């Protein structure tokens, strides 16, 4: 059994890191097989290879491709057994769309800002073995942006 909780947290990331966050969550969604219960761990590891530990930690808590893949595989089998995999898959899809909306929004600013503070909603699971895995679960809100002049509050 897995315990879940929902919360909002502020993430500070560069535009490039935000693009990679979207890519990482998309890999988890496409290879996680939450409806079928058998995640493709090799595809997850391959898809996350090259994404920095910082970015993986921002999205999933775990900071290595193997750690993320093992957490997703364990979660997928747990959710499949309880019949809630499709619901979680929908939440992860909503979160991926939320990151993409933020990426579209910040693209409009051009290169004016080098860092953003964004409040994202998260869905976090703690598995029976103590593994923690989380996903962005919806739309984020840009709170601040950083440039050479300091932080600008939105």
Protein backbone atom coordinates (compact mmCIF):
# COMPACT_ATOMS: atom_id res chain seq x y z
CA UNK A 1 0.00 0.00 0.00
CA UNK A 2 1.16 3.55 -0.70
CA UNK A 3 0.31 6.65 1.27
CA UNK A 4 -0.34 9.78 -0.76
CA UNK A 5 -0.48 13.46 -0.02
CA UNK A 6 -1.05 16.57 -2.07
CA UNK A 7 0.66 19.88 -1.42
CA UNK A 8 2.03 22.97 -3.14
CA UNK A 9 5.72 23.83 -3.11
CA UNK A 10 7.84 26.52 -4.67
CA UNK A 11 10.49 25.43 -7.16
CA UNK A 12 13.32 27.66 -8.37
CA UNK A 13 14.50 26.73 -11.85
CA UNK A 14 16.02 28.13 -15.02
CA UNK A 15 14.09 28.08 -18.29
CA UNK A 16 16.25 25.14 -19.43
CA UNK A 17 15.56 23.21 -16.21
CA UNK A 18 11.83 23.79 -16.66
CA UNK A 19 11.99 22.29 -20.15
CA UNK A 20 13.85 19.29 -18.74
CA UNK A 21 11.27 18.95 -15.93
CA UNK A 22 8.55 18.63 -18.56
CA UNK A 23 10.60 16.06 -20.46
CA UNK A 24 11.24 14.03 -17.29
CA UNK A 25 7.61 13.95 -16.25
CA UNK A 26 6.57 13.02 -19.80
CA UNK A 27 9.00 10.05 -19.72
CA UNK A 28 7.49 8.92 -16.42
CA UNK A 29 3.99 9.19 -17.85
CA UNK A 30 4.70 7.40 -21.12
CA UNK A 31 6.81 4.58 -19.66
CA UNK A 32 5.17 4.25 -16.24
CA UNK A 33 2.24 2.13 -17.41
CA UNK A 34 0.20 3.04 -14.32
CA UNK A 35 -2.89 1.42 -15.85
CA UNK A 36 -1.12 -1.87 -16.56
CA UNK A 37 1.09 -2.11 -13.47
CA UNK A 38 4.35 -2.97 -15.24
CA UNK A 39 6.49 0.10 -15.77
CA UNK A 40 9.18 -0.09 -18.42
CA UNK A 41 12.12 0.66 -16.14
CA UNK A 42 14.67 0.42 -18.97
CA UNK A 43 12.75 3.02 -20.99
CA UNK A 44 12.45 5.30 -17.95
CA UNK A 45 16.19 5.07 -17.22
CA UNK A 46 17.03 5.66 -20.89
CA UNK A 47 14.62 8.60 -21.11
CA UNK A 48 15.97 10.23 -17.96
CA UNK A 49 19.64 9.69 -18.74
CA UNK A 50 21.19 13.07 -19.38
CA UNK A 51 18.71 14.92 -17.18
CA UNK A 52 20.61 16.32 -14.20
CA UNK A 53 20.11 15.15 -10.63
CA UNK A 54 18.93 18.66 -9.75
CA UNK A 55 16.08 18.52 -12.26
CA UNK A 56 15.10 14.97 -11.27
CA UNK A 57 15.06 16.02 -7.62
CA UNK A 58 12.82 19.00 -8.40
CA UNK A 59 10.20 16.78 -9.99
CA UNK A 60 10.44 13.35 -8.38
CA UNK A 61 12.43 13.75 -5.10
CA UNK A 62 14.70 10.87 -6.25
CA UNK A 63 17.68 12.26 -8.13
CA UNK A 64 18.99 9.39 -10.26
CA UNK A 65 17.36 7.81 -13.31
CA UNK A 66 17.53 4.36 -11.67
CA UNK A 67 16.02 5.66 -8.42
CA UNK A 68 13.17 7.34 -10.27
CA UNK A 69 12.56 4.25 -12.43
CA UNK A 70 12.45 1.92 -9.43
CA UNK A 71 10.08 4.25 -7.57
CA UNK A 72 7.77 4.50 -10.57
CA UNK A 73 7.81 0.73 -11.14
CA UNK A 74 6.93 0.05 -7.51
CA UNK A 75 4.22 2.70 -7.52
CA UNK A 76 2.74 1.45 -10.81
CA UNK A 77 2.37 -2.09 -9.48
CA UNK A 78 0.84 -0.80 -6.23
CA UNK A 79 -1.64 1.44 -8.06
CA UNK A 80 -2.54 -1.29 -10.53
CA UNK A 81 -3.28 -3.67 -7.67
CA UNK A 82 -5.58 -1.10 -6.04
CA UNK A 83 -7.23 -0.12 -9.34
CA UNK A 84 -6.22 3.56 -9.15
CA UNK A 85 -3.54 3.65 -11.84
CA UNK A 86 -5.63 5.42 -14.46
CA UNK A 87 -6.50 8.22 -12.03
CA UNK A 88 -2.84 8.83 -11.21
CA UNK A 89 -1.95 8.69 -14.89
CA UNK A 90 -4.48 11.47 -15.51
CA UNK A 91 -3.02 13.57 -12.68
CA UNK A 92 0.51 13.16 -14.07
CA UNK A 93 -0.76 14.13 -17.51
CA UNK A 94 -2.36 17.26 -16.03
CA UNK A 95 0.93 18.10 -14.33
CA UNK A 96 2.88 17.71 -17.55
CA UNK A 97 0.43 20.05 -19.26
CA UNK A 98 0.89 22.47 -16.35
CA UNK A 99 4.67 22.53 -16.79
CA UNK A 100 4.20 23.04 -20.52
CA UNK A 101 1.92 26.05 -19.84
CA UNK A 102 4.62 27.60 -17.66
CA UNK A 103 7.20 26.97 -20.39
CA UNK A 104 4.95 28.70 -22.93
CA UNK A 105 4.42 31.63 -20.57
CA UNK A 106 8.12 32.17 -19.86
CA UNK A 107 8.99 31.85 -23.56
CA UNK A 108 7.04 35.07 -24.04
CA UNK A 109 9.53 36.87 -21.76
CA UNK A 110 12.38 36.01 -24.12
CA UNK A 111 15.72 35.96 -22.35
CA UNK A 112 14.85 38.67 -19.81
CA UNK A 113 15.00 36.30 -16.83
CA UNK A 114 17.44 33.57 -15.88
CA UNK A 115 15.52 31.99 -12.97
CA UNK A 116 11.91 31.58 -11.99
CA UNK A 117 10.21 30.77 -8.69
CA UNK A 118 7.07 28.79 -9.45
CA UNK A 119 4.55 27.32 -7.04
CA UNK A 120 3.49 23.90 -8.33
CA UNK A 121 0.96 21.43 -6.94
CA UNK A 122 2.48 18.03 -6.18
CA UNK A 123 1.11 14.54 -5.62
CA UNK A 124 3.53 12.55 -3.48
CA UNK A 125 3.53 8.86 -2.63
CA UNK A 126 5.38 7.14 0.17
CA UNK A 127 5.68 3.44 -0.61
CA UNK A 128 5.78 0.62 1.92
CA UNK A 129 9.57 0.36 1.67
CA UNK A 130 9.93 4.08 2.49
CA UNK A 131 10.56 5.18 -1.10
CA UNK A 132 9.12 8.62 -1.85
CA UNK A 133 8.12 9.55 -5.40
CA UNK A 134 6.23 12.63 -6.46
CA UNK A 135 4.86 14.27 -9.57
CA UNK A 136 3.73 17.75 -10.52
CA UNK A 137 -0.03 17.41 -10.62
CA UNK A 138 -1.40 20.58 -12.21
CA UNK A 139 -0.83 24.17 -13.20
CA UNK A 140 1.90 26.19 -11.57
CA UNK A 141 1.99 29.91 -10.84
CA UNK A 142 5.06 32.05 -11.51
CA UNK A 143 5.71 34.01 -8.32
CA UNK A 144 9.04 35.70 -9.11
CA UNK A 145 11.53 36.01 -11.92
CA UNK A 146 15.23 36.83 -11.62
CA UNK A 147 17.32 39.02 -13.90
CA UNK A 148 20.52 41.03 -13.54
CA UNK A 149 18.49 43.57 -11.56
CA UNK A 150 17.38 41.03 -8.93
CA UNK A 151 14.02 39.36 -8.31
CA UNK A 152 10.81 40.75 -9.76
CA UNK A 153 7.56 39.75 -8.05
CA UNK A 154 4.68 38.84 -10.37
